[in-house]
């Protein structure tokens, strides 16, 4: 609860300060709103990419495990051939 109140107070103070700079409280609010909108858009984009990146990483890990298994099997077969000589 305290975090929300602190954030609201911070945005209010920032809006007021920018309102003085812009000579309009609405202008200050528009600047803060633009910042929040771009941050929200970026966050949604990052969250949307996370599942795809996780799927890609899982596929790459599966491919690497398959290659490691194949190499291990080939090594075991070569060792068995050497022992049978």
N, C-alpha and C. Protein backbone atom coordinates (compact mmCIF):
# COMPACT_ATOMS: atom_id res chain seq x y z
N UNK A 1 0.83 -1.19 0.00
CA UNK A 1 0.00 0.00 0.00
C UNK A 1 0.87 1.25 0.00
N UNK A 2 1.96 1.22 0.80
CA UNK A 2 2.85 2.37 0.88
C UNK A 2 3.55 2.64 -0.44
N UNK A 3 3.87 1.57 -1.16
CA UNK A 3 4.54 1.73 -2.46
C UNK A 3 3.63 2.45 -3.44
N UNK A 4 2.36 2.10 -3.45
CA UNK A 4 1.41 2.72 -4.37
C UNK A 4 1.26 4.21 -4.05
N UNK A 5 1.14 4.52 -2.78
CA UNK A 5 1.01 5.92 -2.36
C UNK A 5 2.27 6.70 -2.74
N UNK A 6 3.43 6.09 -2.54
CA UNK A 6 4.69 6.75 -2.89
C UNK A 6 4.78 7.00 -4.38
N UNK A 7 4.41 6.01 -5.19
CA UNK A 7 4.43 6.18 -6.64
C UNK A 7 3.45 7.26 -7.10
N UNK A 8 2.26 7.27 -6.52
CA UNK A 8 1.29 8.30 -6.89
C UNK A 8 1.78 9.68 -6.51
N UNK A 9 2.41 9.80 -5.34
CA UNK A 9 2.96 11.09 -4.92
C UNK A 9 4.09 11.52 -5.85
N UNK A 10 4.93 10.57 -6.23
CA UNK A 10 6.03 10.87 -7.13
C UNK A 10 5.52 11.34 -8.49
N UNK A 11 4.54 10.63 -9.05
CA UNK A 11 3.97 11.05 -10.33
C UNK A 11 3.26 12.39 -10.21
N UNK A 12 2.60 12.63 -9.10
CA UNK A 12 1.94 13.92 -8.89
C UNK A 12 2.94 15.06 -8.84
N UNK A 13 4.03 14.87 -8.08
CA UNK A 13 5.06 15.91 -7.99
C UNK A 13 5.73 16.13 -9.34
N UNK A 14 6.00 15.05 -10.05
CA UNK A 14 6.62 15.16 -11.37
C UNK A 14 5.70 15.88 -12.35
N UNK A 15 4.42 15.56 -12.31
CA UNK A 15 3.45 16.22 -13.18
C UNK A 15 3.36 17.70 -12.85
N UNK A 16 3.35 18.04 -11.57
CA UNK A 16 3.30 19.45 -11.17
C UNK A 16 4.54 20.20 -11.63
N UNK A 17 5.72 19.59 -11.45
CA UNK A 17 6.96 20.25 -11.86
C UNK A 17 7.00 20.44 -13.38
N UNK A 18 6.60 19.41 -14.12
CA UNK A 18 6.56 19.55 -15.57
C UNK A 18 5.47 20.53 -16.01
N UNK A 19 4.38 20.60 -15.23
CA UNK A 19 3.33 21.58 -15.51
C UNK A 19 3.84 23.00 -15.39
N UNK A 20 4.68 23.27 -14.40
CA UNK A 20 5.27 24.59 -14.24
C UNK A 20 6.18 24.88 -15.44
N UNK A 21 6.98 23.88 -15.81
CA UNK A 21 7.90 24.05 -16.95
C UNK A 21 7.13 24.31 -18.24
N UNK A 22 6.05 23.57 -18.45
CA UNK A 22 5.26 23.69 -19.68
C UNK A 22 4.22 24.81 -19.60
N UNK A 23 4.10 25.46 -18.46
CA UNK A 23 3.09 26.51 -18.21
C UNK A 23 1.68 25.95 -18.33
N UNK A 24 1.53 24.64 -18.12
CA UNK A 24 0.22 24.01 -18.18
C UNK A 24 0.30 22.66 -17.47
N UNK A 25 -0.62 22.45 -16.54
CA UNK A 25 -0.65 21.17 -15.84
C UNK A 25 -1.00 20.04 -16.81
N UNK A 26 -1.86 20.34 -17.78
CA UNK A 26 -2.21 19.33 -18.79
C UNK A 26 -1.00 18.96 -19.63
N UNK A 27 -0.16 19.92 -19.93
CA UNK A 27 1.06 19.64 -20.70
C UNK A 27 2.01 18.75 -19.92
N UNK A 28 2.16 19.04 -18.62
CA UNK A 28 3.00 18.20 -17.77
C UNK A 28 2.45 16.79 -17.66
N UNK A 29 1.14 16.68 -17.53
CA UNK A 29 0.50 15.37 -17.47
C UNK A 29 0.66 14.59 -18.77
N UNK A 30 0.62 15.29 -19.89
CA UNK A 30 0.79 14.63 -21.19
C UNK A 30 2.19 14.07 -21.33
N UNK A 31 3.20 14.79 -20.83
CA UNK A 31 4.57 14.28 -20.89
C UNK A 31 4.71 13.01 -20.06
N UNK A 32 4.20 13.05 -18.81
CA UNK A 32 4.28 11.87 -17.94
C UNK A 32 3.49 10.71 -18.55
N UNK A 33 2.34 11.01 -19.13
CA UNK A 33 1.53 9.97 -19.77
C UNK A 33 2.27 9.34 -20.94
N UNK A 34 2.99 10.13 -21.70
CA UNK A 34 3.79 9.60 -22.80
C UNK A 34 4.87 8.66 -22.30
N UNK A 35 5.52 9.04 -21.20
CA UNK A 35 6.56 8.18 -20.63
C UNK A 35 5.97 6.85 -20.17
N UNK A 36 4.84 6.94 -19.48
CA UNK A 36 4.21 5.72 -18.95
C UNK A 36 3.74 4.83 -20.10
N UNK A 37 3.17 5.44 -21.14
CA UNK A 37 2.69 4.66 -22.29
C UNK A 37 3.83 3.93 -23.00
N UNK A 38 4.95 4.63 -23.19
CA UNK A 38 6.06 3.97 -23.87
C UNK A 38 6.66 2.87 -23.00
N UNK A 39 6.73 3.09 -21.69
CA UNK A 39 7.25 2.06 -20.78
C UNK A 39 6.33 0.84 -20.78
N UNK A 40 5.02 1.07 -20.75
CA UNK A 40 4.06 -0.02 -20.75
C UNK A 40 4.14 -0.80 -22.06
N UNK A 41 4.26 -0.10 -23.17
CA UNK A 41 4.38 -0.76 -24.47
C UNK A 41 5.65 -1.61 -24.54
N UNK A 42 6.74 -1.07 -24.04
CA UNK A 42 8.00 -1.83 -24.03
C UNK A 42 7.89 -3.07 -23.15
N UNK A 43 7.25 -2.93 -22.00
CA UNK A 43 7.09 -4.06 -21.10
C UNK A 43 6.25 -5.16 -21.75
N UNK A 44 5.16 -4.77 -22.42
CA UNK A 44 4.32 -5.77 -23.09
C UNK A 44 5.08 -6.46 -24.21
N UNK A 45 5.92 -5.72 -24.93
CA UNK A 45 6.71 -6.32 -25.99
C UNK A 45 7.69 -7.33 -25.43
N UNK A 46 8.36 -6.96 -24.34
CA UNK A 46 9.32 -7.88 -23.72
C UNK A 46 8.64 -9.13 -23.20
N UNK A 47 7.49 -8.98 -22.59
CA UNK A 47 6.77 -10.13 -22.06
C UNK A 47 6.31 -11.03 -23.20
N UNK A 48 5.90 -10.44 -24.32
CA UNK A 48 5.46 -11.22 -25.47
C UNK A 48 6.59 -12.03 -26.09
N UNK A 49 7.81 -11.52 -25.99
CA UNK A 49 8.95 -12.23 -26.58
C UNK A 49 9.47 -13.33 -25.67
N UNK A 50 9.18 -13.28 -24.40
CA UNK A 50 9.72 -14.24 -23.45
C UNK A 50 9.30 -15.69 -23.77
N UNK A 51 8.02 -15.97 -24.02
CA UNK A 51 7.66 -17.37 -24.32
C UNK A 51 8.33 -17.89 -25.59
N UNK A 52 8.44 -17.06 -26.61
CA UNK A 52 9.08 -17.50 -27.84
C UNK A 52 10.55 -17.78 -27.61
N UNK A 53 11.21 -16.93 -26.83
CA UNK A 53 12.63 -17.15 -26.52
C UNK A 53 12.82 -18.42 -25.70
N UNK A 54 11.90 -18.69 -24.78
CA UNK A 54 11.99 -19.91 -23.97
C UNK A 54 11.81 -21.15 -24.84
N UNK A 55 10.85 -21.08 -25.77
CA UNK A 55 10.65 -22.22 -26.68
C UNK A 55 11.89 -22.46 -27.54
N UNK A 56 12.48 -21.38 -28.05
CA UNK A 56 13.67 -21.51 -28.88
C UNK A 56 14.83 -22.10 -28.07
N UNK A 57 15.00 -21.63 -26.84
CA UNK A 57 16.07 -22.15 -25.99
C UNK A 57 15.85 -23.63 -25.69
N UNK A 58 14.61 -24.01 -25.45
CA UNK A 58 14.31 -25.42 -25.18
C UNK A 58 14.59 -26.28 -26.41
N UNK A 59 14.25 -25.77 -27.58
CA UNK A 59 14.53 -26.53 -28.81
C UNK A 59 16.04 -26.68 -29.02
N UNK A 60 16.78 -25.62 -28.79
CA UNK A 60 18.24 -25.69 -28.94
C UNK A 60 18.85 -26.66 -27.93
N UNK A 61 18.33 -26.64 -26.71
CA UNK A 61 18.84 -27.56 -25.68
C UNK A 61 18.52 -29.01 -26.07
N UNK A 62 17.34 -29.24 -26.63
CA UNK A 62 16.97 -30.58 -27.07
C UNK A 62 17.87 -31.06 -28.20
N UNK A 63 18.17 -30.16 -29.13
CA UNK A 63 19.07 -30.50 -30.24
C UNK A 63 20.46 -30.82 -29.72
N UNK A 64 20.95 -30.02 -28.80
CA UNK A 64 22.28 -30.26 -28.23
C UNK A 64 22.32 -31.59 -27.47
N UNK A 65 21.25 -31.91 -26.75
CA UNK A 65 21.20 -33.17 -26.02
C UNK A 65 21.19 -34.35 -26.99
N UNK A 66 20.47 -34.21 -28.08
CA UNK A 66 20.44 -35.28 -29.08
C UNK A 66 21.82 -35.49 -29.68
N UNK A 67 22.49 -34.38 -30.02
CA UNK A 67 23.84 -34.50 -30.59
C UNK A 67 24.81 -35.13 -29.59
N UNK A 68 24.69 -34.74 -28.32
CA UNK A 68 25.56 -35.33 -27.29
C UNK A 68 25.29 -36.82 -27.15
N UNK A 69 24.02 -37.20 -27.18
CA UNK A 69 23.66 -38.62 -27.11
C UNK A 69 24.19 -39.40 -28.29
N UNK A 70 24.09 -38.81 -29.48
CA UNK A 70 24.61 -39.46 -30.69
C UNK A 70 26.12 -39.63 -30.60
N UNK A 71 26.81 -38.59 -30.13
CA UNK A 71 28.27 -38.67 -30.00
C UNK A 71 28.67 -39.72 -28.97
N UNK A 72 27.93 -39.78 -27.88
CA UNK A 72 28.21 -40.78 -26.85
C UNK A 72 28.00 -42.19 -27.39
N UNK A 73 26.94 -42.38 -28.14
CA UNK A 73 26.67 -43.71 -28.72
C UNK A 73 27.76 -44.08 -29.72
N UNK A 74 28.17 -43.12 -30.55
CA UNK A 74 29.23 -43.40 -31.53
C UNK A 74 30.53 -43.75 -30.81
N UNK A 75 30.81 -43.03 -29.72
CA UNK A 75 32.02 -43.32 -28.95
C UNK A 75 31.96 -44.69 -28.32
N UNK A 76 30.79 -45.08 -27.82
CA UNK A 76 30.63 -46.39 -27.20
C UNK A 76 30.79 -47.49 -28.25
N UNK A 77 30.24 -47.27 -29.43
CA UNK A 77 30.37 -48.26 -30.50
C UNK A 77 31.83 -48.42 -30.92
N UNK A 78 32.56 -47.31 -31.02
CA UNK A 78 33.97 -47.35 -31.39
C UNK A 78 34.78 -48.08 -30.31
N UNK A 79 34.45 -47.79 -29.04
CA UNK A 79 35.15 -48.47 -27.95
C UNK A 79 34.89 -49.96 -27.98
N UNK A 80 33.65 -50.36 -28.26
CA UNK A 80 33.30 -51.78 -28.33
C UNK A 80 34.03 -52.46 -29.48
N UNK A 81 34.16 -51.78 -30.59
CA UNK A 81 34.91 -52.34 -31.73
C UNK A 81 36.37 -52.54 -31.36
N UNK A 82 36.97 -51.57 -30.67
CA UNK A 82 38.36 -51.67 -30.28
C UNK A 82 38.58 -52.81 -29.29
N UNK A 83 37.63 -53.01 -28.39
CA UNK A 83 37.75 -54.09 -27.41
C UNK A 83 37.59 -55.46 -28.06
N UNK A 84 36.82 -55.54 -29.13
CA UNK A 84 36.59 -56.81 -29.81
C UNK A 84 37.74 -57.22 -30.71
N UNK A 85 38.69 -56.34 -30.96
CA UNK A 85 39.82 -56.66 -31.84
C UNK A 85 40.80 -57.56 -31.18
